[in-house]
Amino acid sequence: MKLSKTLPLILALGTIPVFAQAKDNKDQKHQGEPRVIEVVATDFEFKPSKIEVAPGEKVQIKLVNQGEKPHNIEFELPSGEIELEEALAPKETGTLTFEAPKKAGKYVLYCPVGMHKDHGMIGHLVVAQGEKE
């Protein structure tokens, strides 16, 4: 019968590491781990075409080329333009890590390959109002 009294205690103690682990993962995000945002490139659009971030948030864009043509992604930020080092061939994936602007606003992103921008391969990085924690 002692087991029936200790079983709830054992079960309760077993959940403590789970809660502690969840808190640790949240703390890692605030310690500089980038938030991964997957963007799919097709011919000729980005999905999603609007990316929402917090001011100063560290983000990693994972660009997946599901189109039949090469694609890239370029962001026009106050600090300058940033893009993947090379365009991605069809079925390739690349990553681009950067810190979002600290100033709230709407910043243009587009595919710099050929005339893709002119074909409407454009989106926006939206930095929300307010300061990052």
C-alpha atoms as a PDB file:
ATOM      1  CA  MET A   1       0.000   0.000   0.000  1.00  0.00           C
ATOM      2  CA  LYS A   2       2.935   2.362   0.460  1.00  0.00           C
ATOM      3  CA  LEU A   3       3.430   2.215  -3.305  1.00  0.00           C
ATOM      4  CA  SER A   4      -0.017   3.737  -3.892  1.00  0.00           C
ATOM      5  CA  LYS A   5       0.947   6.718  -1.702  1.00  0.00           C
ATOM      6  CA  THR A   6       4.339   7.234  -3.339  1.00  0.00           C
ATOM      7  CA  LEU A   7       3.226   6.692  -6.928  1.00  0.00           C
ATOM      8  CA  PRO A   8       1.630  10.169  -7.266  1.00  0.00           C
ATOM      9  CA  LEU A   9       4.815  11.689  -5.820  1.00  0.00           C
ATOM     10  CA  ILE A  10       7.002   9.762  -8.282  1.00  0.00           C
ATOM     11  CA  LEU A  11       4.771  10.817 -11.183  1.00  0.00           C
ATOM     12  CA  ALA A  12       4.821  14.447 -10.059  1.00  0.00           C
ATOM     13  CA  LEU A  13       8.603  14.451  -9.697  1.00  0.00           C
ATOM     14  CA  GLY A  14       8.941  12.907 -13.141  1.00  0.00           C
ATOM     15  CA  THR A  15       7.372  16.002 -14.717  1.00  0.00           C
ATOM     16  CA  ILE A  16       9.810  18.470 -13.149  1.00  0.00           C
ATOM     17  CA  PRO A  17      12.635  17.859 -15.658  1.00  0.00           C
ATOM     18  CA  VAL A  18      10.188  18.397 -18.538  1.00  0.00           C
ATOM     19  CA  PHE A  19       9.210  21.841 -17.211  1.00  0.00           C
ATOM     20  CA  ALA A  20      12.843  22.708 -16.504  1.00  0.00           C
ATOM     21  CA  GLN A  21      13.834  21.665 -20.022  1.00  0.00           C
ATOM     22  CA  ALA A  22      11.078  23.785 -21.587  1.00  0.00           C
ATOM     23  CA  LYS A  23      12.276  26.817 -19.626  1.00  0.00           C
ATOM     24  CA  ASP A  24      15.883  26.194 -20.718  1.00  0.00           C
ATOM     25  CA  ASN A  25      14.853  26.107 -24.403  1.00  0.00           C
ATOM     26  CA  LYS A  26      13.024  29.412 -23.994  1.00  0.00           C
ATOM     27  CA  ASP A  27      16.074  30.952 -22.307  1.00  0.00           C
ATOM     28  CA  GLN A  28      18.318  29.793 -25.184  1.00  0.00           C
ATOM     29  CA  LYS A  29      16.185  31.788 -27.622  1.00  0.00           C
ATOM     30  CA  HIS A  30      16.807  34.938 -25.595  1.00  0.00           C
ATOM     31  CA  GLN A  31      20.537  34.128 -25.379  1.00  0.00           C
ATOM     32  CA  GLY A  32      21.105  34.494 -29.104  1.00  0.00           C
ATOM     33  CA  GLU A  33      19.686  31.378 -30.734  1.00  0.00           C
ATOM     34  CA  PRO A  34      18.083  32.504 -34.001  1.00  0.00           C
ATOM     35  CA  ARG A  35      14.455  31.803 -34.797  1.00  0.00           C
ATOM     36  CA  VAL A  36      14.332  29.650 -37.931  1.00  0.00           C
ATOM     37  CA  ILE A  37      11.817  30.826 -40.526  1.00  0.00           C
ATOM     38  CA  GLU A  38      11.284  28.644 -43.576  1.00  0.00           C
ATOM     39  CA  VAL A  39      10.569  30.469 -46.828  1.00  0.00           C
ATOM     40  CA  VAL A  40       9.690  28.516 -49.968  1.00  0.00           C
ATOM     41  CA  ALA A  41      10.677  29.988 -53.335  1.00  0.00           C
ATOM     42  CA  THR A  42       8.622  28.989 -56.371  1.00  0.00           C
ATOM     43  CA  ASP A  43       8.397  30.515 -59.836  1.00  0.00           C
ATOM     44  CA  PHE A  44       7.812  33.534 -59.072  1.00  0.00           C
ATOM     45  CA  GLU A  45       6.798  34.003 -55.440  1.00  0.00           C
ATOM     46  CA  PHE A  46       7.875  33.507 -51.835  1.00  0.00           C
ATOM     47  CA  LYS A  47       5.720  31.642 -49.299  1.00  0.00           C
ATOM     48  CA  PRO A  48       5.260  33.320 -46.940  1.00  0.00           C
ATOM     49  CA  SER A  49       5.751  36.667 -48.652  1.00  0.00           C
ATOM     50  CA  LYS A  50       5.423  38.508 -45.330  1.00  0.00           C
ATOM     51  CA  ILE A  51       7.790  37.676 -42.459  1.00  0.00           C
ATOM     52  CA  GLU A  52       7.037  39.222 -39.062  1.00  0.00           C
ATOM     53  CA  VAL A  53       9.843  39.683 -36.526  1.00  0.00           C
ATOM     54  CA  ALA A  54      10.577  41.608 -33.342  1.00  0.00           C
ATOM     55  CA  PRO A  55      12.983  44.554 -33.324  1.00  0.00           C
ATOM     56  CA  GLY A  56      16.568  43.263 -33.063  1.00  0.00           C
ATOM     57  CA  GLU A  57      15.441  39.622 -33.216  1.00  0.00           C
ATOM     58  CA  LYS A  58      18.051  37.172 -34.517  1.00  0.00           C
ATOM     59  CA  VAL A  59      16.507  35.192 -37.364  1.00  0.00           C
ATOM     60  CA  GLN A  60      17.677  32.454 -39.689  1.00  0.00           C
ATOM     61  CA  ILE A  61      15.917  32.333 -43.032  1.00  0.00           C
ATOM     62  CA  LYS A  62      15.840  28.818 -44.464  1.00  0.00           C
ATOM     63  CA  LEU A  63      15.171  29.283 -48.180  1.00  0.00           C
ATOM     64  CA  VAL A  64      13.859  26.190 -49.963  1.00  0.00           C
ATOM     65  CA  ASN A  65      13.827  26.399 -53.764  1.00  0.00           C
ATOM     66  CA  GLN A  66      10.808  24.456 -55.004  1.00  0.00           C
ATOM     67  CA  GLY A  67      10.803  26.241 -58.347  1.00  0.00           C
ATOM     68  CA  GLU A  68      12.177  25.154 -61.682  1.00  0.00           C
ATOM     69  CA  LYS A  69      14.588  28.091 -61.899  1.00  0.00           C
ATOM     70  CA  PRO A  70      17.444  29.290 -59.658  1.00  0.00           C
ATOM     71  CA  HIS A  71      16.341  31.609 -56.824  1.00  0.00           C
ATOM     72  CA  ASN A  72      17.843  33.708 -54.045  1.00  0.00           C
ATOM     73  CA  ILE A  73      16.497  36.047 -51.378  1.00  0.00           C
ATOM     74  CA  GLU A  74      17.718  39.581 -50.688  1.00  0.00           C
ATOM     75  CA  PHE A  75      16.664  41.903 -47.874  1.00  0.00           C
ATOM     76  CA  GLU A  76      16.905  45.701 -48.147  1.00  0.00           C
ATOM     77  CA  LEU A  77      17.681  46.714 -44.550  1.00  0.00           C
ATOM     78  CA  PRO A  78      18.853  49.994 -42.993  1.00  0.00           C
ATOM     79  CA  SER A  79      22.265  48.353 -42.457  1.00  0.00           C
ATOM     80  CA  GLY A  80      22.486  47.427 -46.149  1.00  0.00           C
ATOM     81  CA  GLU A  81      21.396  44.671 -48.482  1.00  0.00           C
ATOM     82  CA  ILE A  82      21.974  41.048 -47.493  1.00  0.00           C
ATOM     83  CA  GLU A  83      21.429  37.870 -49.478  1.00  0.00           C
ATOM     84  CA  LEU A  84      22.578  34.275 -49.800  1.00  0.00           C
ATOM     85  CA  GLU A  85      26.102  34.014 -51.216  1.00  0.00           C
ATOM     86  CA  GLU A  86      24.836  32.146 -54.284  1.00  0.00           C
ATOM     87  CA  ALA A  87      21.500  31.510 -55.950  1.00  0.00           C
ATOM     88  CA  LEU A  88      19.960  28.137 -55.198  1.00  0.00           C
ATOM     89  CA  ALA A  89      19.376  25.635 -57.973  1.00  0.00           C
ATOM     90  CA  PRO A  90      15.996  23.879 -58.026  1.00  0.00           C
ATOM     91  CA  LYS A  91      15.546  21.560 -54.996  1.00  0.00           C
ATOM     92  CA  GLU A  92      18.400  23.243 -53.065  1.00  0.00           C
ATOM     93  CA  THR A  93      18.136  24.809 -49.604  1.00  0.00           C
ATOM     94  CA  GLY A  94      20.203  27.617 -48.109  1.00  0.00           C
ATOM     95  CA  THR A  95      20.258  29.625 -44.882  1.00  0.00           C
ATOM     96  CA  LEU A  96      20.819  33.278 -44.123  1.00  0.00           C
ATOM     97  CA  THR A  97      21.202  34.468 -40.514  1.00  0.00           C
ATOM     98  CA  PHE A  98      20.936  38.108 -39.483  1.00  0.00           C
ATOM     99  CA  GLU A  99      19.605  40.457 -36.836  1.00  0.00           C
ATOM    100  CA  ALA A 100      16.362  42.235 -37.694  1.00  0.00           C
ATOM    101  CA  PRO A 101      16.443  46.032 -37.694  1.00  0.00           C
ATOM    102  CA  LYS A 102      15.801  47.605 -34.311  1.00  0.00           C
ATOM    103  CA  LYS A 103      13.512  50.187 -35.922  1.00  0.00           C
ATOM    104  CA  ALA A 104       9.936  49.096 -36.571  1.00  0.00           C
ATOM    105  CA  GLY A 105       8.904  49.167 -40.193  1.00  0.00           C
ATOM    106  CA  LYS A 106       8.299  47.294 -43.417  1.00  0.00           C
ATOM    107  CA  TYR A 107      11.418  46.257 -45.353  1.00  0.00           C
ATOM    108  CA  VAL A 108      11.494  44.853 -48.883  1.00  0.00           C
ATOM    109  CA  LEU A 109      12.733  41.365 -49.714  1.00  0.00           C
ATOM    110  CA  TYR A 110      12.975  39.995 -53.241  1.00  0.00           C
ATOM    111  CA  CYS A 111      14.670  37.528 -55.561  1.00  0.00           C
ATOM    112  CA  PRO A 112      17.692  39.242 -57.172  1.00  0.00           C
ATOM    113  CA  VAL A 113      18.079  36.589 -59.898  1.00  0.00           C
ATOM    114  CA  GLY A 114      17.445  37.871 -63.422  1.00  0.00           C
ATOM    115  CA  MET A 115      14.103  39.650 -63.800  1.00  0.00           C
ATOM    116  CA  HIS A 116      12.423  37.708 -60.967  1.00  0.00           C
ATOM    117  CA  LYS A 117      11.765  40.888 -58.956  1.00  0.00           C
ATOM    118  CA  ASP A 118      10.028  42.401 -61.999  1.00  0.00           C
ATOM    119  CA  HIS A 119       7.918  39.236 -62.254  1.00  0.00           C
ATOM    120  CA  GLY A 120       6.591  39.909 -58.738  1.00  0.00           C
ATOM    121  CA  MET A 121       8.946  37.824 -56.618  1.00  0.00           C
ATOM    122  CA  ILE A 122       8.775  40.355 -53.788  1.00  0.00           C
ATOM    123  CA  GLY A 123       7.830  40.232 -50.118  1.00  0.00           C
ATOM    124  CA  HIS A 124       8.288  42.132 -46.879  1.00  0.00           C
ATOM    125  CA  LEU A 125      10.078  41.771 -43.576  1.00  0.00           C
ATOM    126  CA  VAL A 126       7.790  43.455 -41.040  1.00  0.00           C
ATOM    127  CA  VAL A 127       9.432  44.579 -37.799  1.00  0.00           C
ATOM    128  CA  ALA A 128       6.763  44.962 -35.120  1.00  0.00           C
ATOM    129  CA  GLN A 129       6.349  48.019 -32.923  1.00  0.00           C
ATOM    130  CA  GLY A 130       7.992  47.978 -29.499  1.00  0.00           C
ATOM    131  CA  GLU A 131      11.357  47.000 -28.168  1.00  0.00           C
ATOM    132  CA  LYS A 132      12.719  43.485 -27.958  1.00  0.00           C
ATOM    133  CA  GLU A 133      12.969  42.065 -24.448  1.00  0.00           C
END
